[in-house]
């Protein structure tokens, strides 16, 4: 059966191991090297007292909220989501949902802040527009996507994690695992 725990564990392992990481030049990095680069960016952000903002829709928004907790609690980084319901619905009502995050990004992020953008499909227009706005501001962007290897979000960030699966569950838990691993690396720096 496809959904036995043993089969799902094997699928998850395959999804994580086959994750592809690229940089701004679309050069491929080993997963560990992508995690190291992301961690180094987060350390610099922490030292410079800059902010991390994380966005996603639906399940990805829940992953964003969890990652904020880990970055704040473990990494001691100023981190926030941008999906406060009143703010997001106001921006969606006034400017259309595809521009909701983008308008919040324009008012919130500063140069060298980090935007972590999560989209299982990599095709969510509101996430893509927010990334475009963050890049114009001069923010650093880390993306997490999945499904089709040719997706818009996958080529937009300074570091891009693409999880090789078309299964929502596998992509979502792989994204959570990757973000948790970034935060967990701060535990190795505690004395």
N, C-alpha and C. Protein backbone atom coordinates (compact mmCIF):
# COMPACT_ATOMS: atom_id res chain seq x y z
N UNK A 1 0.84 -1.19 0.00
CA UNK A 1 0.00 0.00 0.00
C UNK A 1 0.89 1.25 0.00
N UNK A 2 0.49 2.23 -0.76
CA UNK A 2 1.26 3.46 -0.94
C UNK A 2 1.45 4.25 0.36
N UNK A 3 0.48 4.19 1.27
CA UNK A 3 0.53 5.06 2.45
C UNK A 3 0.96 4.36 3.73
N UNK A 4 1.62 3.22 3.62
CA UNK A 4 2.17 2.61 4.83
C UNK A 4 3.27 3.51 5.37
N UNK A 5 3.50 3.45 6.66
CA UNK A 5 4.49 4.33 7.28
C UNK A 5 5.88 4.08 6.69
N UNK A 6 6.22 2.83 6.43
CA UNK A 6 7.54 2.51 5.86
C UNK A 6 7.68 3.14 4.49
N UNK A 7 6.64 3.03 3.67
CA UNK A 7 6.68 3.61 2.33
C UNK A 7 6.78 5.13 2.40
N UNK A 8 6.03 5.75 3.30
CA UNK A 8 6.06 7.21 3.42
C UNK A 8 7.43 7.71 3.92
N UNK A 9 8.03 6.98 4.84
CA UNK A 9 9.37 7.35 5.32
C UNK A 9 10.36 7.28 4.16
N UNK A 10 10.27 6.25 3.36
CA UNK A 10 11.16 6.12 2.20
C UNK A 10 10.92 7.25 1.21
N UNK A 11 9.66 7.61 0.99
CA UNK A 11 9.34 8.72 0.09
C UNK A 11 9.90 10.04 0.62
N UNK A 12 9.76 10.24 1.93
CA UNK A 12 10.29 11.47 2.54
C UNK A 12 11.81 11.53 2.40
N UNK A 13 12.47 10.43 2.70
CA UNK A 13 13.93 10.38 2.58
C UNK A 13 14.35 10.70 1.14
N UNK A 14 13.67 10.10 0.18
CA UNK A 14 13.98 10.35 -1.24
C UNK A 14 13.75 11.82 -1.59
N UNK A 15 12.66 12.40 -1.08
CA UNK A 15 12.35 13.81 -1.37
C UNK A 15 13.45 14.72 -0.83
N UNK A 16 13.88 14.49 0.39
CA UNK A 16 14.92 15.35 0.99
C UNK A 16 16.25 15.15 0.28
N UNK A 17 16.64 13.90 0.07
CA UNK A 17 17.94 13.62 -0.55
C UNK A 17 18.01 14.17 -1.97
N UNK A 18 16.88 14.15 -2.68
CA UNK A 18 16.90 14.62 -4.07
C UNK A 18 16.60 16.11 -4.19
N UNK A 19 16.52 16.82 -3.07
CA UNK A 19 16.31 18.27 -3.12
C UNK A 19 17.47 18.93 -3.86
N UNK A 20 17.13 19.81 -4.76
CA UNK A 20 18.13 20.54 -5.54
C UNK A 20 18.20 21.97 -5.01
N UNK A 21 19.42 22.47 -4.87
CA UNK A 21 19.63 23.83 -4.40
C UNK A 21 20.37 24.60 -5.49
N UNK A 22 19.89 25.81 -5.78
CA UNK A 22 20.56 26.66 -6.75
C UNK A 22 20.75 28.05 -6.15
N UNK A 23 21.66 28.80 -6.75
CA UNK A 23 21.91 30.18 -6.30
C UNK A 23 21.43 31.16 -7.36
N UNK A 24 21.81 32.42 -7.22
CA UNK A 24 21.33 33.46 -8.13
C UNK A 24 21.77 33.23 -9.58
N UNK A 25 22.90 32.57 -9.78
CA UNK A 25 23.37 32.28 -11.14
C UNK A 25 22.81 30.97 -11.66
N UNK A 26 21.89 30.36 -10.90
CA UNK A 26 21.30 29.06 -11.22
C UNK A 26 22.34 27.95 -11.19
N UNK A 27 23.45 28.18 -10.46
CA UNK A 27 24.44 27.13 -10.25
C UNK A 27 23.92 26.19 -9.18
N UNK A 28 24.10 24.91 -9.43
CA UNK A 28 23.60 23.92 -8.49
C UNK A 28 24.58 23.72 -7.34
N UNK A 29 24.03 23.64 -6.13
CA UNK A 29 24.81 23.41 -4.92
C UNK A 29 24.38 22.09 -4.31
N UNK A 30 25.27 21.44 -3.59
CA UNK A 30 24.86 20.29 -2.79
C UNK A 30 23.90 20.78 -1.72
N UNK A 31 22.97 19.93 -1.31
CA UNK A 31 22.00 20.32 -0.29
C UNK A 31 22.70 20.85 0.95
N UNK A 32 23.73 20.17 1.42
CA UNK A 32 24.44 20.62 2.62
C UNK A 32 25.07 21.99 2.41
N UNK A 33 25.62 22.24 1.23
CA UNK A 33 26.23 23.55 0.95
C UNK A 33 25.16 24.65 0.90
N UNK A 34 23.98 24.33 0.38
CA UNK A 34 22.89 25.30 0.39
C UNK A 34 22.44 25.62 1.81
N UNK A 35 22.41 24.60 2.65
CA UNK A 35 22.05 24.82 4.05
C UNK A 35 23.12 25.63 4.77
N UNK A 36 24.38 25.36 4.48
CA UNK A 36 25.47 26.13 5.09
C UNK A 36 25.38 27.60 4.67
N UNK A 37 25.17 27.85 3.37
CA UNK A 37 25.06 29.24 2.90
C UNK A 37 23.87 29.95 3.54
N UNK A 38 22.75 29.25 3.65
CA UNK A 38 21.56 29.83 4.28
C UNK A 38 21.84 30.15 5.74
N UNK A 39 22.48 29.23 6.43
CA UNK A 39 22.81 29.44 7.84
C UNK A 39 23.75 30.64 8.00
N UNK A 40 24.74 30.75 7.11
CA UNK A 40 25.67 31.89 7.18
C UNK A 40 24.93 33.21 6.97
N UNK A 41 23.97 33.23 6.07
CA UNK A 41 23.16 34.43 5.86
C UNK A 41 22.37 34.76 7.12
N UNK A 42 21.80 33.74 7.75
CA UNK A 42 21.03 33.94 8.98
C UNK A 42 21.92 34.44 10.12
N UNK A 43 23.13 33.91 10.22
CA UNK A 43 24.06 34.36 11.26
C UNK A 43 24.40 35.83 11.05
N UNK A 44 24.67 36.20 9.81
CA UNK A 44 24.98 37.60 9.50
C UNK A 44 23.78 38.50 9.82
N UNK A 45 22.61 38.03 9.50
CA UNK A 45 21.38 38.77 9.81
C UNK A 45 21.24 38.97 11.31
N UNK A 46 21.51 37.92 12.07
CA UNK A 46 21.45 37.99 13.52
C UNK A 46 22.45 39.02 14.06
N UNK A 47 23.69 38.94 13.59
CA UNK A 47 24.75 39.84 14.08
C UNK A 47 24.46 41.29 13.71
N UNK A 48 23.89 41.51 12.53
CA UNK A 48 23.59 42.87 12.08
C UNK A 48 22.23 43.37 12.55
N UNK A 49 21.55 42.55 13.34
CA UNK A 49 20.23 42.89 13.89
C UNK A 49 19.23 43.25 12.79
N UNK A 50 19.27 42.48 11.74
CA UNK A 50 18.30 42.64 10.66
C UNK A 50 17.14 41.67 10.90
N UNK A 51 16.15 41.68 10.04
CA UNK A 51 14.95 40.90 10.26
C UNK A 51 14.77 39.82 9.19
N UNK A 52 14.08 38.75 9.60
CA UNK A 52 13.70 37.66 8.71
C UNK A 52 12.18 37.65 8.63
N UNK A 53 11.65 37.59 7.43
CA UNK A 53 10.21 37.51 7.20
C UNK A 53 9.95 36.25 6.38
N UNK A 54 8.89 35.54 6.73
CA UNK A 54 8.60 34.27 6.06
C UNK A 54 7.15 34.30 5.59
N UNK A 55 6.95 33.90 4.32
CA UNK A 55 5.61 33.91 3.74
C UNK A 55 5.27 32.57 3.11
N UNK A 56 3.98 32.29 3.08
CA UNK A 56 3.46 31.10 2.43
C UNK A 56 1.94 31.15 2.49
N UNK A 57 1.29 30.31 1.71
CA UNK A 57 -0.17 30.19 1.70
C UNK A 57 -0.57 28.85 2.32
N UNK A 58 -1.67 28.82 3.02
CA UNK A 58 -2.21 27.56 3.53
C UNK A 58 -1.22 26.82 4.41
N UNK A 59 -0.92 25.58 4.04
CA UNK A 59 0.03 24.77 4.80
C UNK A 59 1.40 25.43 4.87
N UNK A 60 1.79 26.11 3.82
CA UNK A 60 3.08 26.81 3.81
C UNK A 60 3.08 27.97 4.79
N UNK A 61 1.92 28.58 5.03
CA UNK A 61 1.82 29.64 6.04
C UNK A 61 2.04 29.04 7.43
N UNK A 62 1.50 27.83 7.64
CA UNK A 62 1.72 27.17 8.93
C UNK A 62 3.20 26.82 9.11
N UNK A 63 3.85 26.39 8.05
CA UNK A 63 5.29 26.11 8.09
C UNK A 63 6.04 27.40 8.39
N UNK A 64 5.63 28.50 7.79
CA UNK A 64 6.26 29.80 8.05
C UNK A 64 6.16 30.16 9.52
N UNK A 65 4.98 29.97 10.10
CA UNK A 65 4.79 30.28 11.52
C UNK A 65 5.69 29.43 12.40
N UNK A 66 5.80 28.16 12.09
CA UNK A 66 6.66 27.27 12.87
C UNK A 66 8.12 27.70 12.74
N UNK A 67 8.54 28.02 11.53
CA UNK A 67 9.94 28.43 11.31
C UNK A 67 10.25 29.72 12.08
N UNK A 68 9.31 30.64 12.14
CA UNK A 68 9.52 31.88 12.90
C UNK A 68 9.83 31.55 14.36
N UNK A 69 9.05 30.64 14.93
CA UNK A 69 9.29 30.24 16.32
C UNK A 69 10.70 29.69 16.48
N UNK A 70 11.12 28.82 15.57
CA UNK A 70 12.46 28.21 15.66
C UNK A 70 13.56 29.25 15.50
N UNK A 71 13.42 30.16 14.53
CA UNK A 71 14.44 31.18 14.32
C UNK A 71 14.54 32.11 15.52
N UNK A 72 13.40 32.46 16.10
CA UNK A 72 13.41 33.35 17.27
C UNK A 72 13.95 32.63 18.50
N UNK A 73 13.41 31.47 18.78
CA UNK A 73 13.73 30.77 20.02
C UNK A 73 15.13 30.15 19.99
N UNK A 74 15.48 29.50 18.93
CA UNK A 74 16.78 28.82 18.85
C UNK A 74 17.86 29.76 18.30
N UNK A 75 17.53 30.49 17.23
CA UNK A 75 18.52 31.33 16.57
C UNK A 75 18.65 32.73 17.14
N UNK A 76 17.70 33.12 17.99
CA UNK A 76 17.69 34.48 18.57
C UNK A 76 17.72 35.54 17.47
N UNK A 77 16.90 35.29 16.44
CA UNK A 77 16.79 36.19 15.29
C UNK A 77 15.42 36.85 15.32
N UNK A 78 15.37 38.13 14.96
CA UNK A 78 14.09 38.81 14.80
C UNK A 78 13.42 38.22 13.56
N UNK A 79 12.31 37.51 13.77
CA UNK A 79 11.63 36.84 12.66
C UNK A 79 10.12 37.03 12.80
N UNK A 80 9.45 37.15 11.66
CA UNK A 80 8.00 37.34 11.64
C UNK A 80 7.42 36.73 10.38
N UNK A 81 6.15 36.38 10.46
CA UNK A 81 5.41 36.05 9.25
C UNK A 81 4.76 37.34 8.77
N UNK A 82 4.24 37.31 7.58
CA UNK A 82 3.53 38.48 7.05
C UNK A 82 2.07 38.15 6.78
N UNK A 83 1.54 37.15 7.50
CA UNK A 83 0.16 36.76 7.22
C UNK A 83 -0.81 37.04 8.37
N UNK A 84 -0.57 38.13 9.09
CA UNK A 84 -1.59 38.58 10.05
C UNK A 84 -2.90 38.68 9.27
N UNK A 85 -3.96 38.07 9.78
CA UNK A 85 -5.19 37.95 8.99
C UNK A 85 -5.80 39.30 8.63
N UNK A 86 -5.80 40.25 9.55
CA UNK A 86 -6.40 41.56 9.24
C UNK A 86 -5.59 42.29 8.17
N UNK A 87 -4.28 42.27 8.30
CA UNK A 87 -3.43 42.96 7.33
C UNK A 87 -3.51 42.29 5.96
N UNK A 88 -3.41 40.98 5.95
CA UNK A 88 -3.42 40.26 4.68
C UNK A 88 -4.76 40.42 3.97
N UNK A 89 -5.86 40.32 4.70
CA UNK A 89 -7.16 40.47 4.05
C UNK A 89 -7.41 41.90 3.61
N UNK A 90 -6.89 42.87 4.34
CA UNK A 90 -7.01 44.27 3.90
C UNK A 90 -6.29 44.46 2.57
N UNK A 91 -5.05 44.01 2.51
CA UNK A 91 -4.27 44.18 1.28
C UNK A 91 -4.89 43.40 0.12
N UNK A 92 -5.39 42.19 0.40
CA UNK A 92 -6.03 41.40 -0.64
C UNK A 92 -7.30 42.08 -1.14
N UNK A 93 -8.08 42.64 -0.22
CA UNK A 93 -9.32 43.33 -0.60
C UNK A 93 -9.02 44.58 -1.43
N UNK A 94 -8.00 45.33 -1.00
CA UNK A 94 -7.71 46.60 -1.67
C UNK A 94 -6.90 46.46 -2.96
N UNK A 95 -6.03 45.45 -3.03
CA UNK A 95 -5.11 45.35 -4.17
C UNK A 95 -5.17 44.03 -4.91
N UNK A 96 -5.99 43.10 -4.47
CA UNK A 96 -6.06 41.76 -5.06
C UNK A 96 -5.11 40.82 -4.33
N UNK A 97 -5.54 39.57 -4.21
CA UNK A 97 -4.73 38.62 -3.43
C UNK A 97 -3.33 38.45 -4.02
N UNK A 98 -3.22 38.54 -5.33
CA UNK A 98 -1.91 38.36 -5.97
C UNK A 98 -0.92 39.46 -5.56
N UNK A 99 -1.42 40.57 -5.02
CA UNK A 99 -0.55 41.68 -4.60
C UNK A 99 -0.51 41.88 -3.08
N UNK A 100 -1.21 41.05 -2.34
CA UNK A 100 -1.32 41.25 -0.89
C UNK A 100 0.04 41.20 -0.20
N UNK A 101 0.79 40.12 -0.38
CA UNK A 101 2.11 40.01 0.26
C UNK A 101 3.07 41.07 -0.29
N UNK A 102 2.98 41.34 -1.58
CA UNK A 102 3.87 42.30 -2.21
C UNK A 102 3.74 43.68 -1.56
N UNK A 103 2.51 44.10 -1.31
CA UNK A 103 2.30 45.40 -0.67
C UNK A 103 2.81 45.41 0.77
N UNK A 104 2.64 44.30 1.48
CA UNK A 104 3.17 44.22 2.84
C UNK A 104 4.70 44.25 2.82
N UNK A 105 5.30 43.53 1.88
CA UNK A 105 6.77 43.52 1.73
C UNK A 105 7.29 44.93 1.49
N UNK A 106 6.64 45.66 0.61
CA UNK A 106 7.09 47.02 0.28
C UNK A 106 7.10 47.93 1.50
N UNK A 107 6.19 47.69 2.43
CA UNK A 107 6.07 48.54 3.61
C UNK A 107 6.88 48.03 4.80
N UNK A 108 7.36 46.81 4.73
CA UNK A 108 7.97 46.17 5.89
C UNK A 108 9.47 45.91 5.74
N UNK A 109 9.87 45.30 4.63
CA UNK A 109 11.26 44.90 4.47
C UNK A 109 12.17 46.07 4.17
N UNK A 110 13.42 45.91 4.60
CA UNK A 110 14.49 46.88 4.34
C UNK A 110 15.60 46.17 3.58
N UNK A 111 16.51 46.92 2.96
CA UNK A 111 17.64 46.26 2.31
C UNK A 111 18.36 45.34 3.31
N UNK A 112 18.76 44.19 2.82
CA UNK A 112 19.51 43.18 3.58
C UNK A 112 18.67 42.39 4.58
N UNK A 113 17.39 42.72 4.74
CA UNK A 113 16.51 41.82 5.48
C UNK A 113 16.37 40.55 4.64
N UNK A 114 15.86 39.49 5.25
CA UNK A 114 15.67 38.24 4.53
C UNK A 114 14.18 37.98 4.35
N UNK A 115 13.82 37.57 3.14
CA UNK A 115 12.48 37.06 2.87
C UNK A 115 12.63 35.59 2.53
N UNK A 116 11.97 34.73 3.30
CA UNK A 116 11.91 33.31 2.98
C UNK A 116 10.52 33.06 2.41
N UNK A 117 10.48 32.63 1.15
CA UNK A 117 9.22 32.46 0.43
C UNK A 117 8.99 30.97 0.19
N UNK A 118 7.84 30.48 0.65
CA UNK A 118 7.51 29.06 0.56
C UNK A 118 6.28 28.90 -0.34
N UNK A 119 6.40 28.04 -1.34
CA UNK A 119 5.26 27.69 -2.20
C UNK A 119 5.48 26.27 -2.70
N UNK A 120 4.59 25.37 -2.34
CA UNK A 120 4.76 23.97 -2.77
C UNK A 120 4.89 23.86 -4.28
N UNK A 121 4.07 24.60 -5.00
CA UNK A 121 4.10 24.53 -6.46
C UNK A 121 5.14 25.46 -7.07
N UNK A 122 5.54 26.49 -6.32
CA UNK A 122 6.44 27.49 -6.88
C UNK A 122 5.75 28.41 -7.86
N UNK A 123 4.43 28.34 -7.94
CA UNK A 123 3.67 29.12 -8.93
C UNK A 123 2.70 30.11 -8.30
N UNK A 124 2.67 30.23 -6.99
CA UNK A 124 1.72 31.13 -6.34
C UNK A 124 2.06 32.57 -6.68
N UNK A 125 1.16 33.21 -7.40
CA UNK A 125 1.42 34.57 -7.91
C UNK A 125 1.69 35.56 -6.78
N UNK A 126 0.99 35.43 -5.65
CA UNK A 126 1.20 36.38 -4.56
C UNK A 126 2.59 36.20 -3.94
N UNK A 127 3.10 34.99 -3.93
CA UNK A 127 4.45 34.74 -3.41
C UNK A 127 5.49 35.27 -4.40
N UNK A 128 5.29 35.01 -5.66
CA UNK A 128 6.21 35.48 -6.70
C UNK A 128 6.28 37.01 -6.71
N UNK A 129 5.14 37.67 -6.62
CA UNK A 129 5.13 39.14 -6.59
C UNK A 129 5.83 39.68 -5.35
N UNK A 130 5.67 39.01 -4.22
CA UNK A 130 6.35 39.44 -3.00
C UNK A 130 7.87 39.31 -3.15
N UNK A 131 8.32 38.24 -3.77
CA UNK A 131 9.76 38.05 -4.00
C UNK A 131 10.30 39.15 -4.91
N UNK A 132 9.56 39.46 -5.96
CA UNK A 132 9.99 40.54 -6.87
C UNK A 132 10.12 41.86 -6.10
N UNK A 133 9.17 42.15 -5.23
CA UNK A 133 9.22 43.38 -4.43
C UNK A 133 10.42 43.37 -3.49
N UNK A 134 10.66 42.24 -2.85
CA UNK A 134 11.80 42.13 -1.92
C UNK A 134 13.13 42.34 -2.64
N UNK A 135 13.24 41.78 -3.83
CA UNK A 135 14.49 41.95 -4.59
C UNK A 135 14.70 43.41 -4.98
N UNK A 136 13.63 44.12 -5.35
CA UNK A 136 13.75 45.54 -5.70
C UNK A 136 14.22 46.36 -4.50
N UNK A 137 13.82 45.95 -3.30
CA UNK A 137 14.22 46.65 -2.08
C UNK A 137 15.68 46.38 -1.75
N UNK A 138 16.20 45.25 -2.21
CA UNK A 138 17.57 44.86 -1.89
C UNK A 138 17.63 43.86 -0.74
N UNK A 139 16.52 43.16 -0.53
CA UNK A 139 16.48 42.13 0.49
C UNK A 139 17.07 40.83 -0.06
N UNK A 140 17.47 39.96 0.83
CA UNK A 140 17.99 38.64 0.48
C UNK A 140 16.80 37.70 0.45
N UNK A 141 16.74 36.83 -0.57
CA UNK A 141 15.59 35.94 -0.73
C UNK A 141 16.04 34.49 -0.73
N UNK A 142 15.36 33.69 0.08
CA UNK A 142 15.52 32.23 0.08
C UNK A 142 14.17 31.65 -0.29
N UNK A 143 14.15 30.76 -1.29
CA UNK A 143 12.88 30.17 -1.71
C UNK A 143 12.86 28.67 -1.43
N UNK A 144 11.66 28.17 -1.21
CA UNK A 144 11.42 26.74 -1.07
C UNK A 144 10.23 26.40 -1.94
N UNK A 145 10.41 25.48 -2.86
CA UNK A 145 9.32 25.06 -3.74
C UNK A 145 9.42 23.56 -3.97
N UNK A 146 8.48 23.06 -4.79
CA UNK A 146 8.45 21.64 -5.12
C UNK A 146 7.70 21.45 -6.42
N UNK A 147 7.11 20.26 -6.57
CA UNK A 147 6.33 19.88 -7.73
C UNK A 147 7.19 19.92 -8.99
N UNK A 148 6.79 20.72 -9.97
CA UNK A 148 7.48 20.75 -11.26
C UNK A 148 8.84 21.42 -11.12
N UNK A 149 9.85 20.83 -11.72
CA UNK A 149 11.20 21.40 -11.64
C UNK A 149 11.30 22.74 -12.34
N UNK A 150 10.39 23.00 -13.26
CA UNK A 150 10.35 24.29 -13.94
C UNK A 150 9.22 25.09 -13.29
N UNK A 151 9.60 25.86 -12.26
CA UNK A 151 8.60 26.73 -11.63
C UNK A 151 9.24 28.10 -11.41
N UNK A 152 8.44 29.12 -11.42
CA UNK A 152 8.95 30.49 -11.37
C UNK A 152 9.75 30.79 -10.11
N UNK A 153 9.26 30.35 -8.96
CA UNK A 153 9.90 30.69 -7.70
C UNK A 153 11.30 30.12 -7.60
N UNK A 154 11.50 28.97 -8.17
CA UNK A 154 12.77 28.25 -8.06
C UNK A 154 13.97 29.04 -8.60
N UNK A 155 13.74 29.99 -9.46
CA UNK A 155 14.83 30.75 -10.07
C UNK A 155 14.94 32.17 -9.54
N UNK A 156 14.19 32.51 -8.51
CA UNK A 156 14.10 33.91 -8.10
C UNK A 156 14.96 34.29 -6.91
N UNK A 157 15.35 33.34 -6.09
CA UNK A 157 16.03 33.66 -4.85
C UNK A 157 17.54 33.70 -4.95
N UNK A 158 18.14 34.18 -3.88
CA UNK A 158 19.60 34.10 -3.75
C UNK A 158 19.99 32.65 -3.51
N UNK A 159 19.13 31.93 -2.78
CA UNK A 159 19.27 30.49 -2.58
C UNK A 159 17.88 29.90 -2.77
N UNK A 160 17.82 28.82 -3.56
CA UNK A 160 16.53 28.20 -3.90
C UNK A 160 16.59 26.71 -3.59
N UNK A 161 15.65 26.26 -2.77
CA UNK A 161 15.52 24.83 -2.46
C UNK A 161 14.31 24.30 -3.22
N UNK A 162 14.53 23.31 -4.08
CA UNK A 162 13.45 22.68 -4.81
C UNK A 162 13.38 21.21 -4.40
N UNK A 163 12.24 20.82 -3.83
CA UNK A 163 12.03 19.45 -3.37
C UNK A 163 11.37 18.65 -4.48
N UNK A 164 12.04 17.59 -4.88
CA UNK A 164 11.65 16.80 -6.04
C UNK A 164 10.52 15.83 -5.70
N UNK A 165 9.31 16.37 -5.62
CA UNK A 165 8.13 15.54 -5.38
C UNK A 165 6.90 16.32 -5.84
N UNK A 166 5.90 15.59 -6.27
CA UNK A 166 4.61 16.18 -6.63
C UNK A 166 3.57 15.90 -5.54
N UNK A 167 4.00 15.36 -4.42
CA UNK A 167 3.14 15.01 -3.29
C UNK A 167 3.17 16.16 -2.29
N UNK A 168 2.00 16.83 -2.08
CA UNK A 168 1.95 17.97 -1.17
C UNK A 168 2.56 17.65 0.18
N UNK A 169 2.17 16.51 0.75
CA UNK A 169 2.67 16.15 2.08
C UNK A 169 4.18 16.05 2.12
N UNK A 170 4.75 15.41 1.12
CA UNK A 170 6.21 15.25 1.09
C UNK A 170 6.91 16.60 0.93
N UNK A 171 6.39 17.43 0.04
CA UNK A 171 7.00 18.75 -0.18
C UNK A 171 6.90 19.59 1.09
N UNK A 172 5.72 19.60 1.71
CA UNK A 172 5.54 20.42 2.91
C UNK A 172 6.43 19.97 4.06
N UNK A 173 6.51 18.67 4.30
CA UNK A 173 7.35 18.25 5.43
C UNK A 173 8.84 18.39 5.09
N UNK A 174 9.18 18.29 3.83
CA UNK A 174 10.57 18.54 3.44
C UNK A 174 10.92 20.02 3.67
N UNK A 175 10.02 20.92 3.31
CA UNK A 175 10.25 22.35 3.57
C UNK A 175 10.41 22.60 5.06
N UNK A 176 9.52 22.00 5.86
CA UNK A 176 9.62 22.16 7.31
C UNK A 176 10.94 21.63 7.83
N UNK A 177 11.35 20.47 7.34
CA UNK A 177 12.60 19.84 7.76
C UNK A 177 13.80 20.72 7.42
N UNK A 178 13.82 21.27 6.21
CA UNK A 178 14.92 22.13 5.77
C UNK A 178 15.01 23.38 6.65
N UNK A 179 13.88 24.04 6.88
CA UNK A 179 13.88 25.24 7.72
C UNK A 179 14.26 24.91 9.16
N UNK A 180 13.78 23.79 9.67
CA UNK A 180 14.14 23.37 11.02
C UNK A 180 15.64 23.12 11.11
N UNK A 181 16.20 22.52 10.07
CA UNK A 181 17.64 22.25 10.07
C UNK A 181 18.44 23.54 10.09
N UNK A 182 17.97 24.57 9.38
CA UNK A 182 18.66 25.87 9.43
C UNK A 182 18.67 26.41 10.85
N UNK A 183 17.53 26.35 11.52
CA UNK A 183 17.45 26.85 12.90
C UNK A 183 18.26 25.97 13.85
N UNK A 184 18.20 24.67 13.66
CA UNK A 184 18.93 23.76 14.56
C UNK A 184 20.43 24.02 14.56
N UNK A 185 20.95 24.55 13.48
CA UNK A 185 22.39 24.80 13.39
C UNK A 185 22.84 25.84 14.42
N UNK A 186 21.93 26.67 14.88
CA UNK A 186 22.28 27.64 15.93
C UNK A 186 22.55 26.96 17.26
N UNK A 187 22.00 25.76 17.46
CA UNK A 187 22.25 25.06 18.72
C UNK A 187 23.70 24.62 18.83
N UNK A 188 24.34 24.39 17.69
CA UNK A 188 25.75 24.00 17.68
C UNK A 188 26.68 25.15 18.06
N UNK A 189 26.15 26.39 18.07
CA UNK A 189 26.99 27.54 18.40
C UNK A 189 26.84 27.96 19.86
N UNK A 190 25.94 27.29 20.58
CA UNK A 190 25.74 27.63 22.00
C UNK A 190 26.82 26.95 22.84
N UNK A 191 27.26 27.67 23.89
CA UNK A 191 28.29 27.06 24.74
C UNK A 191 27.70 26.42 25.96
